[in-house]
């Protein structure tokens, strides 16, 4: 049975609705946008909108789902045909997840903006968490006392935090740099941590 794809006219119509919605969201919060505004800016009528979506939330959910599919494809590319990842051998150039975020900078900056008010931050964390847990199994070989589940949570949310901070800081580092650093961070371990000396502490003690 062949997969049914929407025809070109349907795709163009949906693409127009998506572009208009994201543009409107750059001007105001999602809750403030009306379907009337969307169809007017897209130069369609309400009937055309309701032929594809029941409500504006369905349109935004479709945009997010499509972006997540692209993110998953970029995420899985380095190990698509592997059974194990060796961090000493994997090339940073094969990691294109950061490239995905950079290529879709406008979308992620917009959706992670607190004014967007669509709970996207939690959706993104949940999706990345699902991906890591579905695809990866961390093995601890040199410490029998470590709970592997807790270790996995620590690793997963550390990487998610790395991505989110990079996006929220306006991609100040290149995607190549971030890929290289991710590999180094995944290989790195430390048994010591130093306490920073607080400035003015001596003065506070002697006053």
N, C-alpha and C. Protein backbone atom coordinates (compact mmCIF):
# COMPACT_ATOMS: atom_id res chain seq x y z
N UNK A 1 0.85 -1.19 0.00
CA UNK A 1 0.00 0.00 0.00
C UNK A 1 0.88 1.23 0.00
N UNK A 2 0.66 2.13 -0.95
CA UNK A 2 1.50 3.31 -1.05
C UNK A 2 1.10 4.36 -0.03
N UNK A 3 2.09 5.16 0.42
CA UNK A 3 1.84 6.22 1.38
C UNK A 3 1.22 7.40 0.65
N UNK A 4 0.14 7.93 1.21
CA UNK A 4 -0.55 9.05 0.59
C UNK A 4 0.06 10.36 1.07
N UNK A 5 0.57 11.14 0.15
CA UNK A 5 1.13 12.44 0.47
C UNK A 5 0.15 13.54 0.04
N UNK A 6 0.08 14.62 0.82
CA UNK A 6 -0.79 15.72 0.40
C UNK A 6 -0.30 16.31 -0.91
N UNK A 7 -1.22 16.78 -1.75
CA UNK A 7 -0.81 17.33 -3.03
C UNK A 7 -0.12 18.68 -2.82
N UNK A 8 0.45 19.21 -3.90
CA UNK A 8 1.25 20.43 -3.80
C UNK A 8 0.43 21.60 -3.30
N UNK A 9 -0.82 21.68 -3.72
CA UNK A 9 -1.65 22.80 -3.29
C UNK A 9 -1.90 22.77 -1.79
N UNK A 10 -2.15 21.58 -1.26
CA UNK A 10 -2.36 21.44 0.19
C UNK A 10 -1.09 21.79 0.94
N UNK A 11 0.05 21.32 0.44
CA UNK A 11 1.32 21.63 1.10
C UNK A 11 1.58 23.13 1.10
N UNK A 12 1.34 23.78 -0.03
CA UNK A 12 1.56 25.23 -0.10
C UNK A 12 0.64 25.98 0.86
N UNK A 13 -0.61 25.51 0.93
CA UNK A 13 -1.57 26.16 1.84
C UNK A 13 -1.11 26.03 3.29
N UNK A 14 -0.70 24.83 3.67
CA UNK A 14 -0.26 24.60 5.05
C UNK A 14 1.02 25.37 5.35
N UNK A 15 1.93 25.40 4.39
CA UNK A 15 3.17 26.15 4.59
C UNK A 15 2.89 27.63 4.80
N UNK A 16 1.91 28.14 4.07
CA UNK A 16 1.53 29.55 4.24
C UNK A 16 0.95 29.80 5.62
N UNK A 17 0.08 28.92 6.08
CA UNK A 17 -0.50 29.06 7.41
C UNK A 17 0.61 29.00 8.49
N UNK A 18 1.56 28.11 8.30
CA UNK A 18 2.64 27.98 9.27
C UNK A 18 3.49 29.23 9.33
N UNK A 19 3.87 29.73 8.17
CA UNK A 19 4.69 30.93 8.09
C UNK A 19 3.98 32.12 8.73
N UNK A 20 2.69 32.25 8.44
CA UNK A 20 1.91 33.37 9.00
C UNK A 20 1.81 33.26 10.52
N UNK A 21 1.53 32.07 11.01
CA UNK A 21 1.40 31.90 12.46
C UNK A 21 2.70 32.25 13.18
N UNK A 22 3.83 31.76 12.68
CA UNK A 22 5.11 32.06 13.33
C UNK A 22 5.41 33.56 13.27
N UNK A 23 5.07 34.19 12.17
CA UNK A 23 5.29 35.63 12.04
C UNK A 23 4.44 36.40 13.04
N UNK A 24 3.19 35.99 13.20
CA UNK A 24 2.31 36.64 14.17
C UNK A 24 2.80 36.42 15.60
N UNK A 25 3.38 35.24 15.86
CA UNK A 25 3.88 34.94 17.20
C UNK A 25 5.12 35.76 17.54
N UNK A 26 5.78 36.29 16.53
CA UNK A 26 6.91 37.19 16.78
C UNK A 26 6.43 38.57 17.22
N UNK A 27 5.14 38.83 17.03
CA UNK A 27 4.57 40.13 17.38
C UNK A 27 3.75 40.07 18.67
N UNK A 28 3.15 38.90 18.95
CA UNK A 28 2.30 38.80 20.14
C UNK A 28 2.27 37.36 20.63
N UNK A 29 1.73 37.16 21.82
CA UNK A 29 1.63 35.82 22.39
C UNK A 29 0.66 34.94 21.62
N UNK A 30 0.86 33.65 21.67
CA UNK A 30 0.01 32.71 20.93
C UNK A 30 -1.45 32.84 21.31
N UNK A 31 -1.72 33.01 22.61
CA UNK A 31 -3.10 33.11 23.08
C UNK A 31 -3.82 34.33 22.53
N UNK A 32 -3.08 35.35 22.15
CA UNK A 32 -3.69 36.59 21.66
C UNK A 32 -4.03 36.53 20.17
N UNK A 33 -3.49 35.55 19.48
CA UNK A 33 -3.70 35.45 18.03
C UNK A 33 -5.04 34.78 17.74
N UNK A 34 -5.77 35.32 16.80
CA UNK A 34 -7.07 34.74 16.42
C UNK A 34 -6.97 34.06 15.06
N UNK A 35 -7.88 33.15 14.81
CA UNK A 35 -7.94 32.47 13.51
C UNK A 35 -8.23 33.49 12.41
N UNK A 36 -9.04 34.48 12.73
CA UNK A 36 -9.34 35.54 11.75
C UNK A 36 -8.07 36.25 11.31
N UNK A 37 -7.17 36.53 12.26
CA UNK A 37 -5.89 37.16 11.92
C UNK A 37 -5.05 36.27 11.03
N UNK A 38 -5.04 34.97 11.35
CA UNK A 38 -4.23 34.02 10.59
C UNK A 38 -4.70 33.94 9.14
N UNK A 39 -6.00 33.77 8.94
CA UNK A 39 -6.51 33.60 7.57
C UNK A 39 -6.40 34.90 6.78
N UNK A 40 -6.56 36.03 7.46
CA UNK A 40 -6.44 37.32 6.77
C UNK A 40 -5.01 37.54 6.28
N UNK A 41 -4.03 37.26 7.17
CA UNK A 41 -2.62 37.43 6.81
C UNK A 41 -2.19 36.43 5.74
N UNK A 42 -2.81 35.25 5.76
CA UNK A 42 -2.47 34.22 4.78
C UNK A 42 -3.22 34.40 3.46
N UNK A 43 -4.19 35.31 3.47
CA UNK A 43 -5.01 35.59 2.29
C UNK A 43 -5.85 34.38 1.90
N UNK A 44 -6.39 33.71 2.93
CA UNK A 44 -7.35 32.62 2.73
C UNK A 44 -8.62 32.96 3.49
N UNK A 45 -9.62 32.11 3.37
CA UNK A 45 -10.83 32.29 4.16
C UNK A 45 -10.86 31.28 5.30
N UNK A 46 -11.80 31.46 6.22
CA UNK A 46 -11.87 30.58 7.39
C UNK A 46 -12.18 29.13 6.98
N UNK A 47 -12.94 28.98 5.89
CA UNK A 47 -13.26 27.64 5.43
C UNK A 47 -12.02 26.85 5.06
N UNK A 48 -11.06 27.55 4.43
CA UNK A 48 -9.81 26.89 4.05
C UNK A 48 -9.05 26.45 5.29
N UNK A 49 -9.03 27.30 6.32
CA UNK A 49 -8.35 26.95 7.57
C UNK A 49 -8.99 25.71 8.19
N UNK A 50 -10.33 25.73 8.30
CA UNK A 50 -11.02 24.62 8.97
C UNK A 50 -11.03 23.34 8.14
N UNK A 51 -10.66 23.44 6.89
CA UNK A 51 -10.51 22.23 6.07
C UNK A 51 -9.28 21.43 6.50
N UNK A 52 -8.34 22.10 7.19
CA UNK A 52 -7.10 21.44 7.60
C UNK A 52 -6.94 21.34 9.12
N UNK A 53 -7.52 22.28 9.86
CA UNK A 53 -7.34 22.32 11.32
C UNK A 53 -8.65 22.66 12.01
N UNK A 54 -8.83 22.09 13.20
CA UNK A 54 -10.02 22.41 13.98
C UNK A 54 -9.81 23.70 14.76
N UNK A 55 -8.57 23.94 15.21
CA UNK A 55 -8.26 25.13 15.98
C UNK A 55 -6.81 25.52 15.74
N UNK A 56 -6.44 26.72 16.16
CA UNK A 56 -5.10 27.21 15.89
C UNK A 56 -4.03 26.37 16.60
N UNK A 57 -4.41 25.76 17.73
CA UNK A 57 -3.48 24.90 18.46
C UNK A 57 -3.04 23.72 17.59
N UNK A 58 -3.94 23.19 16.77
CA UNK A 58 -3.60 22.07 15.89
C UNK A 58 -2.53 22.47 14.89
N UNK A 59 -2.62 23.70 14.40
CA UNK A 59 -1.62 24.21 13.45
C UNK A 59 -0.25 24.28 14.10
N UNK A 60 -0.18 24.84 15.31
CA UNK A 60 1.10 24.96 15.99
C UNK A 60 1.66 23.59 16.37
N UNK A 61 0.79 22.70 16.81
CA UNK A 61 1.23 21.34 17.15
C UNK A 61 1.83 20.64 15.93
N UNK A 62 1.24 20.87 14.75
CA UNK A 62 1.75 20.28 13.52
C UNK A 62 3.14 20.83 13.19
N UNK A 63 3.33 22.13 13.39
CA UNK A 63 4.64 22.75 13.16
C UNK A 63 5.68 22.14 14.09
N UNK A 64 5.32 21.99 15.35
CA UNK A 64 6.25 21.44 16.35
C UNK A 64 6.59 20.00 16.03
N UNK A 65 5.58 19.21 15.69
CA UNK A 65 5.80 17.79 15.40
C UNK A 65 6.73 17.62 14.19
N UNK A 66 6.53 18.43 13.17
CA UNK A 66 7.39 18.36 11.99
C UNK A 66 8.83 18.73 12.35
N UNK A 67 8.99 19.74 13.20
CA UNK A 67 10.33 20.14 13.61
C UNK A 67 10.99 19.06 14.46
N UNK A 68 10.21 18.42 15.31
CA UNK A 68 10.75 17.33 16.13
C UNK A 68 11.19 16.15 15.26
N UNK A 69 10.47 15.89 14.19
CA UNK A 69 10.87 14.81 13.28
C UNK A 69 12.22 15.13 12.64
N UNK A 70 12.43 16.38 12.26
CA UNK A 70 13.72 16.79 11.71
C UNK A 70 14.81 16.69 12.76
N UNK A 71 14.47 17.06 13.99
CA UNK A 71 15.43 16.98 15.09
C UNK A 71 15.84 15.53 15.33
N UNK A 72 14.88 14.61 15.32
CA UNK A 72 15.17 13.20 15.52
C UNK A 72 16.08 12.65 14.43
N UNK A 73 15.84 13.07 13.20
CA UNK A 73 16.67 12.61 12.09
C UNK A 73 18.11 13.08 12.26
N UNK A 74 18.28 14.36 12.65
CA UNK A 74 19.62 14.89 12.87
C UNK A 74 20.29 14.21 14.06
N UNK A 75 19.53 13.97 15.08
CA UNK A 75 20.03 13.34 16.32
C UNK A 75 20.57 11.94 16.06
N UNK A 76 19.85 11.19 15.24
CA UNK A 76 20.20 9.78 15.04
C UNK A 76 21.22 9.53 13.93
N UNK A 77 21.50 10.52 13.14
CA UNK A 77 22.38 10.32 12.00
C UNK A 77 23.75 9.73 12.36
N UNK A 78 24.45 10.18 13.43
CA UNK A 78 25.80 9.66 13.70
C UNK A 78 25.86 8.17 13.99
N UNK A 79 24.77 7.59 14.49
CA UNK A 79 24.83 6.18 14.90
C UNK A 79 23.76 5.33 14.22
N UNK A 80 23.29 5.80 13.09
CA UNK A 80 22.19 5.11 12.39
C UNK A 80 22.49 3.64 12.13
N UNK A 81 23.73 3.32 11.77
CA UNK A 81 24.08 1.94 11.43
C UNK A 81 25.06 1.32 12.43
N UNK A 82 25.10 1.87 13.65
CA UNK A 82 26.03 1.39 14.66
C UNK A 82 25.30 0.63 15.77
N UNK A 83 26.04 -0.21 16.47
CA UNK A 83 25.50 -0.88 17.66
C UNK A 83 26.12 -0.31 18.92
N UNK A 84 27.17 0.50 18.76
CA UNK A 84 27.84 1.11 19.90
C UNK A 84 28.55 2.38 19.45
N UNK A 85 28.59 3.39 20.30
CA UNK A 85 29.32 4.63 20.00
C UNK A 85 30.58 4.66 20.83
N UNK A 86 31.71 4.76 20.18
CA UNK A 86 33.00 4.91 20.85
C UNK A 86 33.38 6.38 20.78
N UNK A 87 33.36 7.07 21.93
CA UNK A 87 33.62 8.51 21.94
C UNK A 87 35.05 8.84 21.54
N UNK A 88 35.93 7.85 21.59
CA UNK A 88 37.32 8.10 21.17
C UNK A 88 37.47 8.02 19.65
N UNK A 89 36.47 7.47 19.00
CA UNK A 89 36.58 7.28 17.56
C UNK A 89 35.56 8.09 16.75
N UNK A 90 34.46 8.47 17.37
CA UNK A 90 33.43 9.18 16.62
C UNK A 90 33.91 10.56 16.21
N UNK A 91 33.56 10.97 15.01
CA UNK A 91 33.97 12.28 14.50
C UNK A 91 32.94 13.33 14.89
N UNK A 92 33.43 14.46 15.35
CA UNK A 92 32.51 15.55 15.73
C UNK A 92 31.71 16.04 14.53
N UNK A 93 32.26 15.89 13.32
CA UNK A 93 31.57 16.34 12.12
C UNK A 93 30.32 15.50 11.82
N UNK A 94 30.26 14.30 12.41
CA UNK A 94 29.09 13.44 12.19
C UNK A 94 27.92 13.86 13.07
N UNK A 95 28.19 14.67 14.08
CA UNK A 95 27.14 15.14 14.98
C UNK A 95 26.51 16.39 14.38
N UNK A 96 25.30 16.26 13.88
CA UNK A 96 24.66 17.40 13.21
C UNK A 96 23.46 17.93 14.00
N UNK A 97 23.28 17.46 15.24
CA UNK A 97 22.16 17.92 16.04
C UNK A 97 22.24 19.43 16.28
N UNK A 98 23.44 19.91 16.56
CA UNK A 98 23.60 21.35 16.78
C UNK A 98 23.34 22.14 15.50
N UNK A 99 23.71 21.54 14.35
CA UNK A 99 23.43 22.19 13.07
C UNK A 99 21.92 22.35 12.87
N UNK A 100 21.17 21.33 13.30
CA UNK A 100 19.71 21.40 13.19
C UNK A 100 19.16 22.60 13.96
N UNK A 101 19.61 22.77 15.18
CA UNK A 101 19.12 23.88 15.99
C UNK A 101 19.53 25.22 15.39
N UNK A 102 20.75 25.28 14.85
CA UNK A 102 21.22 26.53 14.26
C UNK A 102 20.45 26.86 12.98
N UNK A 103 20.20 25.85 12.16
CA UNK A 103 19.46 26.06 10.92
C UNK A 103 18.02 26.51 11.17
N UNK A 104 17.49 26.12 12.32
CA UNK A 104 16.11 26.48 12.68
C UNK A 104 16.10 27.44 13.87
N UNK A 105 17.09 28.31 13.86
CA UNK A 105 17.29 29.27 14.95
C UNK A 105 16.03 30.10 15.22
N UNK A 106 15.44 30.61 14.17
CA UNK A 106 14.26 31.47 14.33
C UNK A 106 13.15 30.74 15.09
N UNK A 107 12.89 29.49 14.71
CA UNK A 107 11.83 28.71 15.34
C UNK A 107 12.12 28.47 16.82
N UNK A 108 13.32 28.00 17.14
CA UNK A 108 13.62 27.65 18.53
C UNK A 108 13.70 28.88 19.43
N UNK A 109 14.25 29.97 18.92
CA UNK A 109 14.30 31.20 19.72
C UNK A 109 12.88 31.68 20.02
N UNK A 110 12.03 31.60 19.03
CA UNK A 110 10.65 32.03 19.20
C UNK A 110 9.91 31.14 20.19
N UNK A 111 10.02 29.83 20.01
CA UNK A 111 9.26 28.91 20.83
C UNK A 111 9.77 28.85 22.27
N UNK A 112 11.04 29.13 22.48
CA UNK A 112 11.60 29.12 23.84
C UNK A 112 11.46 30.47 24.54
N UNK A 113 10.95 31.45 23.82
CA UNK A 113 10.70 32.76 24.42
C UNK A 113 9.55 32.62 25.43
N UNK A 114 9.75 33.08 26.68
CA UNK A 114 8.69 32.95 27.70
C UNK A 114 7.37 33.58 27.27
N UNK A 115 7.42 34.60 26.42
CA UNK A 115 6.20 35.27 25.98
C UNK A 115 5.36 34.42 25.04
N UNK A 116 5.96 33.37 24.46
CA UNK A 116 5.21 32.49 23.56
C UNK A 116 4.11 31.76 24.31
N UNK A 117 4.43 31.35 25.53
CA UNK A 117 3.40 30.78 26.42
C UNK A 117 2.71 29.56 25.82
N UNK A 118 3.51 28.58 25.37
CA UNK A 118 2.91 27.35 24.84
C UNK A 118 3.57 26.10 25.42
N UNK A 119 4.30 26.25 26.50
CA UNK A 119 4.88 25.10 27.19
C UNK A 119 5.89 24.35 26.32
N UNK A 120 6.52 25.05 25.36
CA UNK A 120 7.42 24.37 24.44
C UNK A 120 8.69 23.88 25.14
N UNK A 121 9.16 24.63 26.11
CA UNK A 121 10.38 24.24 26.84
C UNK A 121 10.23 22.83 27.39
N UNK A 122 9.10 22.56 28.02
CA UNK A 122 8.85 21.22 28.58
C UNK A 122 8.68 20.18 27.49
N UNK A 123 8.04 20.56 26.38
CA UNK A 123 7.86 19.63 25.26
C UNK A 123 9.20 19.20 24.69
N UNK A 124 10.12 20.17 24.54
CA UNK A 124 11.44 19.88 23.98
C UNK A 124 12.24 18.98 24.91
N UNK A 125 12.22 19.29 26.20
CA UNK A 125 12.94 18.47 27.18
C UNK A 125 12.38 17.05 27.17
N UNK A 126 11.07 16.92 27.15
CA UNK A 126 10.45 15.59 27.16
C UNK A 126 10.82 14.80 25.91
N UNK A 127 10.83 15.47 24.74
CA UNK A 127 11.16 14.78 23.50
C UNK A 127 12.61 14.32 23.48
N UNK A 128 13.53 15.19 23.89
CA UNK A 128 14.95 14.82 23.94
C UNK A 128 15.18 13.71 24.96
N UNK A 129 14.51 13.79 26.09
CA UNK A 129 14.64 12.76 27.11
C UNK A 129 14.16 11.40 26.57
N UNK A 130 13.05 11.41 25.85
CA UNK A 130 12.53 10.18 25.26
C UNK A 130 13.53 9.60 24.26
N UNK A 131 14.13 10.47 23.46
CA UNK A 131 15.09 10.01 22.46
C UNK A 131 16.29 9.34 23.10
N UNK A 132 16.86 9.99 24.10
CA UNK A 132 18.02 9.43 24.78
C UNK A 132 17.70 8.08 25.42
N UNK A 133 16.59 8.02 26.11
CA UNK A 133 16.25 6.79 26.82
C UNK A 133 15.84 5.66 25.86
N UNK A 134 15.27 6.03 24.75
CA UNK A 134 14.85 5.03 23.77
C UNK A 134 16.04 4.43 23.02
N UNK A 135 17.05 5.26 22.75
CA UNK A 135 18.14 4.83 21.87
C UNK A 135 19.41 4.41 22.60
N UNK A 136 19.67 4.98 23.77
CA UNK A 136 20.96 4.76 24.43
C UNK A 136 20.84 3.92 25.69
N UNK A 137 21.87 3.12 25.91
CA UNK A 137 21.99 2.37 27.16
C UNK A 137 23.39 2.61 27.70
N UNK A 138 23.48 3.34 28.79
CA UNK A 138 24.78 3.63 29.39
C UNK A 138 25.25 2.43 30.20
N UNK A 139 26.52 2.08 30.04
CA UNK A 139 27.12 0.97 30.77
C UNK A 139 28.20 1.52 31.70
N UNK A 140 28.09 1.21 32.98
CA UNK A 140 29.10 1.63 33.95
C UNK A 140 29.96 0.42 34.27
N UNK A 141 31.25 0.50 33.94
CA UNK A 141 32.13 -0.67 34.09
C UNK A 141 33.13 -0.55 35.23
N UNK A 142 33.38 0.67 35.71
CA UNK A 142 34.45 0.83 36.71
C UNK A 142 33.94 1.28 38.07
N UNK A 143 32.63 1.24 38.29
CA UNK A 143 32.11 1.62 39.59
C UNK A 143 30.79 0.89 39.84
N UNK A 144 30.88 -0.14 40.68
CA UNK A 144 29.70 -0.97 40.93
C UNK A 144 28.66 -0.27 41.80
N UNK A 145 29.02 0.86 42.40
CA UNK A 145 28.12 1.54 43.32
C UNK A 145 27.19 2.54 42.61
N UNK A 146 27.44 2.81 41.35
CA UNK A 146 26.62 3.78 40.63
C UNK A 146 25.33 3.13 40.13
N UNK A 147 24.21 3.79 40.42
CA UNK A 147 22.91 3.38 39.90
C UNK A 147 22.85 3.82 38.43
N UNK A 148 22.76 2.87 37.52
CA UNK A 148 22.81 3.18 36.09
C UNK A 148 21.65 4.08 35.67
N UNK A 149 20.48 3.88 36.27
CA UNK A 149 19.33 4.72 35.94
C UNK A 149 19.58 6.18 36.32
N UNK A 150 20.13 6.37 37.51
CA UNK A 150 20.44 7.73 37.96
C UNK A 150 21.55 8.34 37.10
N UNK A 151 22.53 7.50 36.74
CA UNK A 151 23.62 7.98 35.90
C UNK A 151 23.09 8.41 34.53
N UNK A 152 22.15 7.63 33.98
CA UNK A 152 21.54 7.97 32.70
C UNK A 152 20.80 9.30 32.79
N UNK A 153 20.05 9.48 33.87
CA UNK A 153 19.31 10.73 34.07
C UNK A 153 20.27 11.90 34.14
N UNK A 154 21.36 11.73 34.86
CA UNK A 154 22.38 12.78 35.01
C UNK A 154 22.97 13.15 33.65
N UNK A 155 23.34 12.16 32.87
CA UNK A 155 23.93 12.38 31.55
C UNK A 155 22.93 13.05 30.59
N UNK A 156 21.74 12.49 30.56
CA UNK A 156 20.72 12.97 29.62
C UNK A 156 20.37 14.43 29.87
N UNK A 157 20.08 14.75 31.12
CA UNK A 157 19.66 16.12 31.42
C UNK A 157 20.84 17.09 31.35
N UNK A 158 22.05 16.58 31.52
CA UNK A 158 23.22 17.43 31.32
C UNK A 158 23.35 17.86 29.86
N UNK A 159 23.14 16.93 28.96
CA UNK A 159 23.22 17.24 27.52
C UNK A 159 22.06 18.15 27.10
N UNK A 160 20.87 17.86 27.62
CA UNK A 160 19.72 18.71 27.31
C UNK A 160 19.98 20.14 27.78
N UNK A 161 20.53 20.28 29.00
CA UNK A 161 20.84 21.60 29.52
C UNK A 161 21.86 22.32 28.67
N UNK A 162 22.82 21.57 28.15
CA UNK A 162 23.85 22.13 27.27
C UNK A 162 23.22 22.72 26.01
N UNK A 163 22.30 21.98 25.42
CA UNK A 163 21.62 22.44 24.20
C UNK A 163 20.76 23.66 24.48
N UNK A 164 19.96 23.60 25.56
CA UNK A 164 19.06 24.70 25.87
C UNK A 164 19.81 25.99 26.18
N UNK A 165 20.88 25.88 26.93
CA UNK A 165 21.66 27.08 27.25
C UNK A 165 22.27 27.69 26.00
N UNK A 166 22.73 26.84 25.10
CA UNK A 166 23.31 27.32 23.83
C UNK A 166 22.26 28.07 23.01
N UNK A 167 21.06 27.51 22.93
CA UNK A 167 19.99 28.17 22.18
C UNK A 167 19.59 29.48 22.85
N UNK A 168 19.39 29.44 24.16
CA UNK A 168 18.92 30.61 24.89
C UNK A 168 19.97 31.72 24.95
N UNK A 169 21.24 31.35 24.78
CA UNK A 169 22.31 32.35 24.73
C UNK A 169 22.60 32.81 23.31
N UNK A 170 21.66 32.55 22.41
CA UNK A 170 21.71 33.03 21.03
C UNK A 170 22.86 32.43 20.23
N UNK A 171 23.17 31.15 20.48
CA UNK A 171 24.11 30.40 19.65
C UNK A 171 25.48 31.10 19.56
N UNK A 172 25.99 31.53 20.70
CA UNK A 172 27.25 32.29 20.70
C UNK A 172 28.45 31.45 20.22
N UNK A 173 28.39 30.15 20.42
CA UNK A 173 29.44 29.25 19.93
C UNK A 173 28.97 28.60 18.62
N UNK A 174 29.91 28.21 17.78
CA UNK A 174 29.55 27.55 16.53
C UNK A 174 29.03 26.14 16.80
N UNK A 175 28.27 25.61 15.85
CA UNK A 175 27.77 24.24 15.99
C UNK A 175 28.92 23.24 15.99
N UNK A 176 29.97 23.54 15.25
CA UNK A 176 31.15 22.67 15.23
C UNK A 176 31.80 22.62 16.60
N UNK A 177 31.95 23.77 17.21
CA UNK A 177 32.53 23.85 18.56
C UNK A 177 31.69 23.06 19.56
N UNK A 178 30.37 23.20 19.47
CA UNK A 178 29.48 22.51 20.41
C UNK A 178 29.56 21.00 20.22
N UNK A 179 29.68 20.53 18.98
CA UNK A 179 29.80 19.09 18.73
C UNK A 179 31.10 18.55 19.30
N UNK A 180 32.18 19.29 19.10
CA UNK A 180 33.48 18.88 19.64
C UNK A 180 33.45 18.84 21.16
N UNK A 181 32.86 19.87 21.75
CA UNK A 181 32.78 19.93 23.21
C UNK A 181 31.90 18.82 23.78
N UNK A 182 30.83 18.48 23.09
CA UNK A 182 29.95 17.42 23.57
C UNK A 182 30.71 16.11 23.68
N UNK A 183 31.50 15.78 22.68
CA UNK A 183 32.28 14.55 22.72
C UNK A 183 33.26 14.57 23.88
N UNK A 184 33.95 15.70 24.06
CA UNK A 184 34.92 15.81 25.16
C UNK A 184 34.24 15.70 26.52
N UNK A 185 33.07 16.32 26.65
CA UNK A 185 32.33 16.26 27.91
C UNK A 185 31.87 14.84 28.21
N UNK A 186 31.42 14.12 27.18
CA UNK A 186 30.96 12.75 27.39
C UNK A 186 32.11 11.82 27.78
N UNK A 187 33.31 12.14 27.37
CA UNK A 187 34.49 11.32 27.72
C UNK A 187 35.08 11.71 29.06
N UNK A 188 34.75 12.90 29.54
CA UNK A 188 35.42 13.46 30.71
C UNK A 188 34.85 12.93 32.02
N UNK A 189 35.72 12.74 32.99
CA UNK A 189 35.30 12.39 34.35
C UNK A 189 36.25 13.06 35.33
N UNK A 190 35.75 13.37 36.50
CA UNK A 190 36.59 14.03 37.49
C UNK A 190 36.28 13.48 38.88
N UNK A 191 37.31 13.31 39.69
CA UNK A 191 37.12 12.80 41.06
C UNK A 191 37.25 13.90 42.09
N UNK A 192 37.56 15.12 41.63
CA UNK A 192 37.71 16.24 42.57
C UNK A 192 36.99 17.47 42.04
N UNK A 193 36.56 18.30 42.95
CA UNK A 193 35.99 19.59 42.58
C UNK A 193 36.49 20.61 43.59
N UNK A 194 36.90 21.77 43.11
CA UNK A 194 37.45 22.81 43.98
C UNK A 194 36.38 23.84 44.32
N UNK A 195 36.43 24.35 45.53
CA UNK A 195 35.50 25.36 46.00
C UNK A 195 36.03 26.74 45.67
N UNK A 196 35.23 27.55 45.03
CA UNK A 196 35.66 28.90 44.70
C UNK A 196 35.76 29.75 45.96
N UNK A 197 36.82 30.54 46.04
CA UNK A 197 36.95 31.47 47.16
C UNK A 197 36.08 32.69 46.89
N UNK A 198 35.27 33.03 47.86
CA UNK A 198 34.37 34.16 47.70
C UNK A 198 35.09 35.46 48.04
N UNK A 199 35.00 36.42 47.15
CA UNK A 199 35.64 37.71 47.37
C UNK A 199 35.00 38.43 48.56
N UNK A 200 35.87 39.03 49.38
CA UNK A 200 35.39 39.78 50.53
C UNK A 200 35.07 38.95 51.74
N UNK A 201 35.31 37.63 51.67
CA UNK A 201 34.98 36.77 52.80
C UNK A 201 35.83 37.08 54.02
N UNK A 202 37.14 37.37 53.77
CA UNK A 202 38.05 37.65 54.87
C UNK A 202 37.59 38.90 55.60
N UNK A 203 37.18 39.92 54.86
CA UNK A 203 36.73 41.16 55.46
C UNK A 203 35.48 40.97 56.29
N UNK A 204 34.60 40.10 55.82
CA UNK A 204 33.36 39.84 56.56
C UNK A 204 33.65 39.16 57.90
N UNK A 205 34.66 38.31 57.92
CA UNK A 205 34.99 37.58 59.14
C UNK A 205 35.67 38.47 60.19
N UNK A 206 36.40 39.48 59.72
CA UNK A 206 37.17 40.32 60.64
C UNK A 206 36.40 41.55 61.09
N UNK A 207 35.30 41.88 60.41
CA UNK A 207 34.53 43.09 60.79
C UNK A 207 33.78 42.88 62.10
